Amino acid sequence: AAAAVPPDALLPGDLVFFATGRNAVDHV
């Protein structure tokens, strides 16, 4: 549901996503 933001444009409150397992996002 989110719009991608380049890392250098992050603002407080933006969501950051991680794939801690096998390629799929599973952490925020």
mmCIF file of all heavy atoms, coordinates in Angstrom:
data_MODEL
# 
_entry.id   MODEL 
# 
loop_
_atom_site.group_PDB 
_atom_site.id 
_atom_site.type_symbol 
_atom_site.label_atom_id 
_atom_site.label_alt_id 
_atom_site.label_comp_id 
_atom_site.label_asym_id 
_atom_site.label_entity_id 
_atom_site.label_seq_id 
_atom_site.pdbx_PDB_ins_code 
_atom_site.Cartn_x 
_atom_site.Cartn_y 
_atom_site.Cartn_z 
_atom_site.occupancy 
_atom_site.B_iso_or_equiv 
_atom_site.pdbx_formal_charge 
_atom_site.auth_seq_id 
_atom_site.auth_comp_id 
_atom_site.auth_asym_id 
_atom_site.auth_atom_id 
_atom_site.pdbx_PDB_model_num 
ATOM 1   N N   . ALA A 1 1  ? 0.805  -1.221  0.000  1.00 0.00 ? 1  ALA A N   1 
ATOM 2   C CA  . ALA A 1 1  ? 0.000  0.000   0.000  1.00 0.00 ? 1  ALA A CA  1 
ATOM 3   C C   . ALA A 1 1  ? 0.841  1.276   0.000  1.00 0.00 ? 1  ALA A C   1 
ATOM 4   O O   . ALA A 1 1  ? 0.324  2.365   -0.266 1.00 0.00 ? 1  ALA A O   1 
ATOM 5   C CB  . ALA A 1 1  ? -0.928 0.009   1.221  1.00 0.00 ? 1  ALA A CB  1 
ATOM 6   N N   . ALA A 1 2  ? 2.136  1.151   0.287  1.00 0.00 ? 2  ALA A N   1 
ATOM 7   C CA  . ALA A 1 2  ? 2.998  2.326   0.432  1.00 0.00 ? 2  ALA A CA  1 
ATOM 8   C C   . ALA A 1 2  ? 3.608  2.752   -0.899 1.00 0.00 ? 2  ALA A C   1 
ATOM 9   O O   . ALA A 1 2  ? 3.754  1.957   -1.818 1.00 0.00 ? 2  ALA A O   1 
ATOM 10  C CB  . ALA A 1 2  ? 4.119  2.012   1.425  1.00 0.00 ? 2  ALA A CB  1 
ATOM 11  N N   . ALA A 1 3  ? 3.977  4.018   -0.969 1.00 0.00 ? 3  ALA A N   1 
ATOM 12  C CA  . ALA A 1 3  ? 4.733  4.541   -2.108 1.00 0.00 ? 3  ALA A CA  1 
ATOM 13  C C   . ALA A 1 3  ? 6.209  4.515   -1.741 1.00 0.00 ? 3  ALA A C   1 
ATOM 14  O O   . ALA A 1 3  ? 6.587  4.888   -0.627 1.00 0.00 ? 3  ALA A O   1 
ATOM 15  C CB  . ALA A 1 3  ? 4.293  5.965   -2.417 1.00 0.00 ? 3  ALA A CB  1 
ATOM 16  N N   . ALA A 1 4  ? 7.028  4.069   -2.661 1.00 0.00 ? 4  ALA A N   1 
ATOM 17  C CA  . ALA A 1 4  ? 8.471  3.994   -2.414 1.00 0.00 ? 4  ALA A CA  1 
ATOM 18  C C   . ALA A 1 4  ? 9.071  5.391   -2.289 1.00 0.00 ? 4  ALA A C   1 
ATOM 19  O O   . ALA A 1 4  ? 8.663  6.323   -2.984 1.00 0.00 ? 4  ALA A O   1 
ATOM 20  C CB  . ALA A 1 4  ? 9.149  3.236   -3.544 1.00 0.00 ? 4  ALA A CB  1 
ATOM 21  N N   . VAL A 1 5  ? 10.024 5.509   -1.369 1.00 0.00 ? 5  VAL A N   1 
ATOM 22  C CA  . VAL A 1 5  ? 10.749 6.767   -1.140 1.00 0.00 ? 5  VAL A CA  1 
ATOM 23  C C   . VAL A 1 5  ? 12.235 6.424   -1.164 1.00 0.00 ? 5  VAL A C   1 
ATOM 24  O O   . VAL A 1 5  ? 12.652 5.470   -0.497 1.00 0.00 ? 5  VAL A O   1 
ATOM 25  C CB  . VAL A 1 5  ? 10.375 7.370   0.242  1.00 0.00 ? 5  VAL A CB  1 
ATOM 26  C CG1 . VAL A 1 5  ? 11.201 8.596   0.544  1.00 0.00 ? 5  VAL A CG1 1 
ATOM 27  C CG2 . VAL A 1 5  ? 8.898  7.685   0.307  1.00 0.00 ? 5  VAL A CG2 1 
ATOM 28  N N   . PRO A 1 6  ? 13.041 7.176   -1.905 1.00 0.00 ? 6  PRO A N   1 
ATOM 29  C CA  . PRO A 1 6  ? 14.484 6.901   -1.881 1.00 0.00 ? 6  PRO A CA  1 
ATOM 30  C C   . PRO A 1 6  ? 15.029 7.077   -0.468 1.00 0.00 ? 6  PRO A C   1 
ATOM 31  O O   . PRO A 1 6  ? 14.556 7.933   0.287  1.00 0.00 ? 6  PRO A O   1 
ATOM 32  C CB  . PRO A 1 6  ? 15.078 7.957   -2.818 1.00 0.00 ? 6  PRO A CB  1 
ATOM 33  C CG  . PRO A 1 6  ? 13.938 8.488   -3.614 1.00 0.00 ? 6  PRO A CG  1 
ATOM 34  C CD  . PRO A 1 6  ? 12.704 8.295   -2.782 1.00 0.00 ? 6  PRO A CD  1 
ATOM 35  N N   . PRO A 1 7  ? 16.020 6.270   -0.085 1.00 0.00 ? 7  PRO A N   1 
ATOM 36  C CA  . PRO A 1 7  ? 16.566 6.364   1.277  1.00 0.00 ? 7  PRO A CA  1 
ATOM 37  C C   . PRO A 1 7  ? 16.996 7.769   1.683  1.00 0.00 ? 7  PRO A C   1 
ATOM 38  O O   . PRO A 1 7  ? 16.798 8.170   2.821  1.00 0.00 ? 7  PRO A O   1 
ATOM 39  C CB  . PRO A 1 7  ? 17.764 5.407   1.253  1.00 0.00 ? 7  PRO A CB  1 
ATOM 40  C CG  . PRO A 1 7  ? 17.408 4.412   0.197  1.00 0.00 ? 7  PRO A CG  1 
ATOM 41  C CD  . PRO A 1 7  ? 16.649 5.183   -0.847 1.00 0.00 ? 7  PRO A CD  1 
ATOM 42  N N   . ASP A 1 8  ? 17.518 8.548   0.750  1.00 0.00 ? 8  ASP A N   1 
ATOM 43  C CA  . ASP A 1 8  ? 17.968 9.899   1.103  1.00 0.00 ? 8  ASP A CA  1 
ATOM 44  C C   . ASP A 1 8  ? 16.822 10.901  1.210  1.00 0.00 ? 8  ASP A C   1 
ATOM 45  O O   . ASP A 1 8  ? 17.039 12.060  1.548  1.00 0.00 ? 8  ASP A O   1 
ATOM 46  C CB  . ASP A 1 8  ? 19.029 10.392  0.126  1.00 0.00 ? 8  ASP A CB  1 
ATOM 47  C CG  . ASP A 1 8  ? 18.520 10.522  -1.300 1.00 0.00 ? 8  ASP A CG  1 
ATOM 48  O OD1 . ASP A 1 8  ? 17.420 10.015  -1.617 1.00 0.00 ? 8  ASP A OD1 1 
ATOM 49  O OD2 . ASP A 1 8  ? 19.234 11.135  -2.119 1.00 0.00 ? 8  ASP A OD2 1 
ATOM 50  N N   . ALA A 1 9  ? 15.589 10.459  0.946  1.00 0.00 ? 9  ALA A N   1 
ATOM 51  C CA  . ALA A 1 9  ? 14.426 11.331  1.058  1.00 0.00 ? 9  ALA A CA  1 
ATOM 52  C C   . ALA A 1 9  ? 13.514 10.930  2.218  1.00 0.00 ? 9  ALA A C   1 
ATOM 53  O O   . ALA A 1 9  ? 12.428 11.497  2.371  1.00 0.00 ? 9  ALA A O   1 
ATOM 54  C CB  . ALA A 1 9  ? 13.631 11.324  -0.249 1.00 0.00 ? 9  ALA A CB  1 
ATOM 55  N N   . LEU A 1 10 ? 13.941 9.966   3.050  1.00 0.00 ? 10 LEU A N   1 
ATOM 56  C CA  . LEU A 1 10 ? 13.110 9.530   4.175  1.00 0.00 ? 10 LEU A CA  1 
ATOM 57  C C   . LEU A 1 10 ? 12.863 10.676  5.141  1.00 0.00 ? 10 LEU A C   1 
ATOM 58  O O   . LEU A 1 10 ? 13.760 11.470  5.438  1.00 0.00 ? 10 LEU A O   1 
ATOM 59  C CB  . LEU A 1 10 ? 13.790 8.386   4.932  1.00 0.00 ? 10 LEU A CB  1 
ATOM 60  C CG  . LEU A 1 10 ? 13.762 7.017   4.278  1.00 0.00 ? 10 LEU A CG  1 
ATOM 61  C CD1 . LEU A 1 10 ? 14.670 6.057   5.034  1.00 0.00 ? 10 LEU A CD1 1 
ATOM 62  C CD2 . LEU A 1 10 ? 12.347 6.487   4.202  1.00 0.00 ? 10 LEU A CD2 1 
ATOM 63  N N   . LEU A 1 11 ? 11.641 10.738  5.630  1.00 0.00 ? 11 LEU A N   1 
ATOM 64  C CA  . LEU A 1 11 ? 11.249 11.691  6.670  1.00 0.00 ? 11 LEU A CA  1 
ATOM 65  C C   . LEU A 1 11 ? 10.772 10.905  7.886  1.00 0.00 ? 11 LEU A C   1 
ATOM 66  O O   . LEU A 1 11 ? 10.291 9.775   7.752  1.00 0.00 ? 11 LEU A O   1 
ATOM 67  C CB  . LEU A 1 11 ? 10.116 12.594  6.182  1.00 0.00 ? 11 LEU A CB  1 
ATOM 68  C CG  . LEU A 1 11 ? 10.448 13.558  5.059  1.00 0.00 ? 11 LEU A CG  1 
ATOM 69  C CD1 . LEU A 1 11 ? 9.182  14.272  4.597  1.00 0.00 ? 11 LEU A CD1 1 
ATOM 70  C CD2 . LEU A 1 11 ? 11.492 14.567  5.515  1.00 0.00 ? 11 LEU A CD2 1 
ATOM 71  N N   . PRO A 1 12 ? 10.867 11.494  9.082  1.00 0.00 ? 12 PRO A N   1 
ATOM 72  C CA  . PRO A 1 12 ? 10.315 10.816  10.254 1.00 0.00 ? 12 PRO A CA  1 
ATOM 73  C C   . PRO A 1 12 ? 8.868  10.395  9.992  1.00 0.00 ? 12 PRO A C   1 
ATOM 74  O O   . PRO A 1 12 ? 8.082  11.152  9.422  1.00 0.00 ? 12 PRO A O   1 
ATOM 75  C CB  . PRO A 1 12 ? 10.407 11.876  11.350 1.00 0.00 ? 12 PRO A CB  1 
ATOM 76  C CG  . PRO A 1 12 ? 11.596 12.692  10.943 1.00 0.00 ? 12 PRO A CG  1 
ATOM 77  C CD  . PRO A 1 12 ? 11.488 12.773  9.430  1.00 0.00 ? 12 PRO A CD  1 
ATOM 78  N N   . GLY A 1 13 ? 8.567  9.165   10.379 1.00 0.00 ? 13 GLY A N   1 
ATOM 79  C CA  . GLY A 1 13 ? 7.237  8.617   10.184 1.00 0.00 ? 13 GLY A CA  1 
ATOM 80  C C   . GLY A 1 13 ? 7.120  7.715   8.974  1.00 0.00 ? 13 GLY A C   1 
ATOM 81  O O   . GLY A 1 13 ? 6.160  6.954   8.864  1.00 0.00 ? 13 GLY A O   1 
ATOM 82  N N   . ASP A 1 14 ? 8.085  7.794   8.058  1.00 0.00 ? 14 ASP A N   1 
ATOM 83  C CA  . ASP A 1 14 ? 8.045  6.902   6.904  1.00 0.00 ? 14 ASP A CA  1 
ATOM 84  C C   . ASP A 1 14 ? 8.276  5.461   7.370  1.00 0.00 ? 14 ASP A C   1 
ATOM 85  O O   . ASP A 1 14 ? 8.973  5.215   8.357  1.00 0.00 ? 14 ASP A O   1 
ATOM 86  C CB  . ASP A 1 14 ? 9.119  7.273   5.884  1.00 0.00 ? 14 ASP A CB  1 
ATOM 87  C CG  . ASP A 1 14 ? 8.779  8.527   5.080  1.00 0.00 ? 14 ASP A CG  1 
ATOM 88  O OD1 . ASP A 1 14 ? 7.609  8.960   5.103  1.00 0.00 ? 14 ASP A OD1 1 
ATOM 89  O OD2 . ASP A 1 14 ? 9.695  9.063   4.421  1.00 0.00 ? 14 ASP A OD2 1 
ATOM 90  N N   . LEU A 1 15 ? 7.690  4.536   6.641  1.00 0.00 ? 15 LEU A N   1 
ATOM 91  C CA  . LEU A 1 15 ? 7.889  3.122   6.945  1.00 0.00 ? 15 LEU A CA  1 
ATOM 92  C C   . LEU A 1 15 ? 9.159  2.630   6.271  1.00 0.00 ? 15 LEU A C   1 
ATOM 93  O O   . LEU A 1 15 ? 9.467  3.031   5.144  1.00 0.00 ? 15 LEU A O   1 
ATOM 94  C CB  . LEU A 1 15 ? 6.696  2.302   6.454  1.00 0.00 ? 15 LEU A CB  1 
ATOM 95  C CG  . LEU A 1 15 ? 5.355  2.601   7.119  1.00 0.00 ? 15 LEU A CG  1 
ATOM 96  C CD1 . LEU A 1 15 ? 4.236  1.797   6.454  1.00 0.00 ? 15 LEU A CD1 1 
ATOM 97  C CD2 . LEU A 1 15 ? 5.416  2.316   8.607  1.00 0.00 ? 15 LEU A CD2 1 
ATOM 98  N N   . VAL A 1 16 ? 9.889  1.764   6.952  1.00 0.00 ? 16 VAL A N   1 
ATOM 99  C CA  . VAL A 1 16 ? 11.059 1.108   6.376  1.00 0.00 ? 16 VAL A CA  1 
ATOM 100 C C   . VAL A 1 16 ? 10.804 -0.399  6.434  1.00 0.00 ? 16 VAL A C   1 
ATOM 101 O O   . VAL A 1 16 ? 10.358 -0.922  7.449  1.00 0.00 ? 16 VAL A O   1 
ATOM 102 C CB  . VAL A 1 16 ? 12.365 1.506   7.107  1.00 0.00 ? 16 VAL A CB  1 
ATOM 103 C CG1 . VAL A 1 16 ? 12.733 2.944   6.807  1.00 0.00 ? 16 VAL A CG1 1 
ATOM 104 C CG2 . VAL A 1 16 ? 12.255 1.319   8.607  1.00 0.00 ? 16 VAL A CG2 1 
ATOM 105 N N   . PHE A 1 17 ? 11.058 -1.062  5.312  1.00 0.00 ? 17 PHE A N   1 
ATOM 106 C CA  . PHE A 1 17 ? 10.721 -2.471  5.155  1.00 0.00 ? 17 PHE A CA  1 
ATOM 107 C C   . PHE A 1 17 ? 11.971 -3.322  5.011  1.00 0.00 ? 17 PHE A C   1 
ATOM 108 O O   . PHE A 1 17 ? 12.971 -2.879  4.452  1.00 0.00 ? 17 PHE A O   1 
ATOM 109 C CB  . PHE A 1 17 ? 9.828  -2.665  3.924  1.00 0.00 ? 17 PHE A CB  1 
ATOM 110 C CG  . PHE A 1 17 ? 8.510  -1.955  4.035  1.00 0.00 ? 17 PHE A CG  1 
ATOM 111 C CD1 . PHE A 1 17 ? 8.337  -0.694  3.498  1.00 0.00 ? 17 PHE A CD1 1 
ATOM 112 C CD2 . PHE A 1 17 ? 7.448  -2.543  4.694  1.00 0.00 ? 17 PHE A CD2 1 
ATOM 113 C CE1 . PHE A 1 17 ? 7.132  -0.027  3.607  1.00 0.00 ? 17 PHE A CE1 1 
ATOM 114 C CE2 . PHE A 1 17 ? 6.232  -1.893  4.813  1.00 0.00 ? 17 PHE A CE2 1 
ATOM 115 C CZ  . PHE A 1 17 ? 6.072  -0.633  4.269  1.00 0.00 ? 17 PHE A CZ  1 
ATOM 116 N N   . PHE A 1 18 ? 11.871 -4.561  5.476  1.00 0.00 ? 18 PHE A N   1 
ATOM 117 C CA  . PHE A 1 18 ? 12.986 -5.489  5.441  1.00 0.00 ? 18 PHE A CA  1 
ATOM 118 C C   . PHE A 1 18 ? 12.507 -6.872  5.036  1.00 0.00 ? 18 PHE A C   1 
ATOM 119 O O   . PHE A 1 18 ? 11.385 -7.261  5.371  1.00 0.00 ? 18 PHE A O   1 
ATOM 120 C CB  . PHE A 1 18 ? 13.634 -5.608  6.834  1.00 0.00 ? 18 PHE A CB  1 
ATOM 121 C CG  . PHE A 1 18 ? 14.075 -4.295  7.384  1.00 0.00 ? 18 PHE A CG  1 
ATOM 122 C CD1 . PHE A 1 18 ? 13.212 -3.528  8.145  1.00 0.00 ? 18 PHE A CD1 1 
ATOM 123 C CD2 . PHE A 1 18 ? 15.352 -3.824  7.124  1.00 0.00 ? 18 PHE A CD2 1 
ATOM 124 C CE1 . PHE A 1 18 ? 13.614 -2.305  8.655  1.00 0.00 ? 18 PHE A CE1 1 
ATOM 125 C CE2 . PHE A 1 18 ? 15.760 -2.600  7.631  1.00 0.00 ? 18 PHE A CE2 1 
ATOM 126 C CZ  . PHE A 1 18 ? 14.898 -1.838  8.392  1.00 0.00 ? 18 PHE A CZ  1 
ATOM 127 N N   . ALA A 1 19 ? 13.371 -7.587  4.357  1.00 0.00 ? 19 ALA A N   1 
ATOM 128 C CA  . ALA A 1 19 ? 13.146 -8.999  4.070  1.00 0.00 ? 19 ALA A CA  1 
ATOM 129 C C   . ALA A 1 19 ? 14.161 -9.746  4.920  1.00 0.00 ? 19 ALA A C   1 
ATOM 130 O O   . ALA A 1 19 ? 15.333 -9.819  4.567  1.00 0.00 ? 19 ALA A O   1 
ATOM 131 C CB  . ALA A 1 19 ? 13.342 -9.293  2.593  1.00 0.00 ? 19 ALA A CB  1 
ATOM 132 N N   . THR A 1 20 ? 13.727 -10.258 6.055  1.00 0.00 ? 20 THR A N   1 
ATOM 133 C CA  . THR A 1 20 ? 14.650 -10.937 6.965  1.00 0.00 ? 20 THR A CA  1 
ATOM 134 C C   . THR A 1 20 ? 14.785 -12.411 6.633  1.00 0.00 ? 20 THR A C   1 
ATOM 135 O O   . THR A 1 20 ? 15.659 -13.076 7.146  1.00 0.00 ? 20 THR A O   1 
ATOM 136 C CB  . THR A 1 20 ? 14.207 -10.791 8.438  1.00 0.00 ? 20 THR A CB  1 
ATOM 137 O OG1 . THR A 1 20 ? 12.941 -11.428 8.605  1.00 0.00 ? 20 THR A OG1 1 
ATOM 138 C CG2 . THR A 1 20 ? 14.117 -9.329  8.837  1.00 0.00 ? 20 THR A CG2 1 
ATOM 139 N N   . GLY A 1 21 ? 13.900 -12.901 5.783  1.00 0.00 ? 21 GLY A N   1 
ATOM 140 C CA  . GLY A 1 21 ? 13.921 -14.315 5.415  1.00 0.00 ? 21 GLY A CA  1 
ATOM 141 C C   . GLY A 1 21 ? 14.285 -14.496 3.961  1.00 0.00 ? 21 GLY A C   1 
ATOM 142 O O   . GLY A 1 21 ? 15.335 -14.073 3.507  1.00 0.00 ? 21 GLY A O   1 
ATOM 143 N N   . ARG A 1 22 ? 13.382 -15.052 3.197  1.00 0.00 ? 22 ARG A N   1 
ATOM 144 C CA  . ARG A 1 22 ? 13.634 -15.409 1.802  1.00 0.00 ? 22 ARG A CA  1 
ATOM 145 C C   . ARG A 1 22 ? 13.027 -14.414 0.828  1.00 0.00 ? 22 ARG A C   1 
ATOM 146 O O   . ARG A 1 22 ? 12.029 -14.708 0.193  1.00 0.00 ? 22 ARG A O   1 
ATOM 147 C CB  . ARG A 1 22 ? 13.055 -16.779 1.506  1.00 0.00 ? 22 ARG A CB  1 
ATOM 148 C CG  . ARG A 1 22 ? 13.697 -17.887 2.256  1.00 0.00 ? 22 ARG A CG  1 
ATOM 149 C CD  . ARG A 1 22 ? 13.049 -19.178 1.791  1.00 0.00 ? 22 ARG A CD  1 
ATOM 150 N NE  . ARG A 1 22 ? 13.691 -20.296 2.399  1.00 0.00 ? 22 ARG A NE  1 
ATOM 151 C CZ  . ARG A 1 22 ? 14.290 -21.246 1.711  1.00 0.00 ? 22 ARG A CZ  1 
ATOM 152 N NH1 . ARG A 1 22 ? 14.309 -21.211 0.401  1.00 0.00 ? 22 ARG A NH1 1 
ATOM 153 N NH2 . ARG A 1 22 ? 14.863 -22.231 2.344  1.00 0.00 ? 22 ARG A NH2 1 
ATOM 154 N N   . ASN A 1 23 ? 13.599 -13.258 0.706  1.00 0.00 ? 23 ASN A N   1 
ATOM 155 C CA  . ASN A 1 23 ? 13.247 -12.262 -0.309 1.00 0.00 ? 23 ASN A CA  1 
ATOM 156 C C   . ASN A 1 23 ? 11.946 -11.506 -0.079 1.00 0.00 ? 23 ASN A C   1 
ATOM 157 O O   . ASN A 1 23 ? 11.798 -10.413 -0.572 1.00 0.00 ? 23 ASN A O   1 
ATOM 158 C CB  . ASN A 1 23 ? 13.215 -12.865 -1.717 1.00 0.00 ? 23 ASN A CB  1 
ATOM 159 C CG  . ASN A 1 23 ? 14.546 -13.446 -2.104 1.00 0.00 ? 23 ASN A CG  1 
ATOM 160 O OD1 . ASN A 1 23 ? 15.596 -12.969 -1.689 1.00 0.00 ? 23 ASN A OD1 1 
ATOM 161 N ND2 . ASN A 1 23 ? 14.511 -14.498 -2.899 1.00 0.00 ? 23 ASN A ND2 1 
ATOM 162 N N   . ALA A 1 24 ? 10.976 -12.059 0.613  1.00 0.00 ? 24 ALA A N   1 
ATOM 163 C CA  . ALA A 1 24 ? 9.700  -11.371 0.813  1.00 0.00 ? 24 ALA A CA  1 
ATOM 164 C C   . ALA A 1 24 ? 9.791  -10.440 2.025  1.00 0.00 ? 24 ALA A C   1 
ATOM 165 O O   . ALA A 1 24 ? 10.437 -10.766 3.020  1.00 0.00 ? 24 ALA A O   1 
ATOM 166 C CB  . ALA A 1 24 ? 8.586  -12.381 1.026  1.00 0.00 ? 24 ALA A CB  1 
ATOM 167 N N   . VAL A 1 25 ? 9.137  -9.295  1.940  1.00 0.00 ? 25 VAL A N   1 
ATOM 168 C CA  . VAL A 1 25 ? 9.098  -8.372  3.072  1.00 0.00 ? 25 VAL A CA  1 
ATOM 169 C C   . VAL A 1 25 ? 8.366  -9.037  4.222  1.00 0.00 ? 25 VAL A C   1 
ATOM 170 O O   . VAL A 1 25 ? 7.261  -9.544  4.064  1.00 0.00 ? 25 VAL A O   1 
ATOM 171 C CB  . VAL A 1 25 ? 8.411  -7.049  2.673  1.00 0.00 ? 25 VAL A CB  1 
ATOM 172 C CG1 . VAL A 1 25 ? 8.052  -6.230  3.888  1.00 0.00 ? 25 VAL A CG1 1 
ATOM 173 C CG2 . VAL A 1 25 ? 9.306  -6.251  1.746  1.00 0.00 ? 25 VAL A CG2 1 
ATOM 174 N N   . ASP A 1 26 ? 9.018  -9.054  5.387  1.00 0.00 ? 26 ASP A N   1 
ATOM 175 C CA  . ASP A 1 26 ? 8.399  -9.657  6.563  1.00 0.00 ? 26 ASP A CA  1 
ATOM 176 C C   . ASP A 1 26 ? 8.677  -8.861  7.833  1.00 0.00 ? 26 ASP A C   1 
ATOM 177 O O   . ASP A 1 26 ? 8.390  -9.325  8.936  1.00 0.00 ? 26 ASP A O   1 
ATOM 178 C CB  . ASP A 1 26 ? 8.846  -11.108 6.736  1.00 0.00 ? 26 ASP A CB  1 
ATOM 179 C CG  . ASP A 1 26 ? 10.359 -11.248 6.892  1.00 0.00 ? 26 ASP A CG  1 
ATOM 180 O OD1 . ASP A 1 26 ? 11.068 -10.232 6.845  1.00 0.00 ? 26 ASP A OD1 1 
ATOM 181 O OD2 . ASP A 1 26 ? 10.832 -12.383 7.061  1.00 0.00 ? 26 ASP A OD2 1 
ATOM 182 N N   . HIS A 1 27 ? 9.208  -7.655  7.682  1.00 0.00 ? 27 HIS A N   1 
ATOM 183 C CA  . HIS A 1 27 ? 9.487  -6.817  8.850  1.00 0.00 ? 27 HIS A CA  1 
ATOM 184 C C   . HIS A 1 27 ? 9.359  -5.355  8.444  1.00 0.00 ? 27 HIS A C   1 
ATOM 185 O O   . HIS A 1 27 ? 9.688  -4.979  7.318  1.00 0.00 ? 27 HIS A O   1 
ATOM 186 C CB  . HIS A 1 27 ? 10.891 -7.102  9.391  1.00 0.00 ? 27 HIS A CB  1 
ATOM 187 C CG  . HIS A 1 27 ? 11.145 -6.501  10.732 1.00 0.00 ? 27 HIS A CG  1 
ATOM 188 N ND1 . HIS A 1 27 ? 10.470 -6.902  11.873 1.00 0.00 ? 27 HIS A ND1 1 
ATOM 189 C CD2 . HIS A 1 27 ? 11.987 -5.519  11.122 1.00 0.00 ? 27 HIS A CD2 1 
ATOM 190 C CE1 . HIS A 1 27 ? 10.902 -6.187  12.903 1.00 0.00 ? 27 HIS A CE1 1 
ATOM 191 N NE2 . HIS A 1 27 ? 11.820 -5.342  12.473 1.00 0.00 ? 27 HIS A NE2 1 
ATOM 192 N N   . VAL A 1 28 ? 8.872  -4.532  9.378  1.00 0.00 ? 28 VAL A N   1 
ATOM 193 C CA  . VAL A 1 28 ? 8.659  -3.112  9.105  1.00 0.00 ? 28 VAL A CA  1 
ATOM 194 C C   . VAL A 1 28 ? 8.952  -2.312  10.371 1.00 0.00 ? 28 VAL A C   1 
ATOM 195 O O   . VAL A 1 28 ? 8.796  -2.816  11.489 1.00 0.00 ? 28 VAL A O   1 
ATOM 196 C CB  . VAL A 1 28 ? 7.205  -2.862  8.604  1.00 0.00 ? 28 VAL A CB  1 
ATOM 197 C CG1 . VAL A 1 28 ? 6.163  -3.250  9.651  1.00 0.00 ? 28 VAL A CG1 1 
ATOM 198 C CG2 . VAL A 1 28 ? 7.009  -1.427  8.149  1.00 0.00 ? 28 VAL A CG2 1 
# 
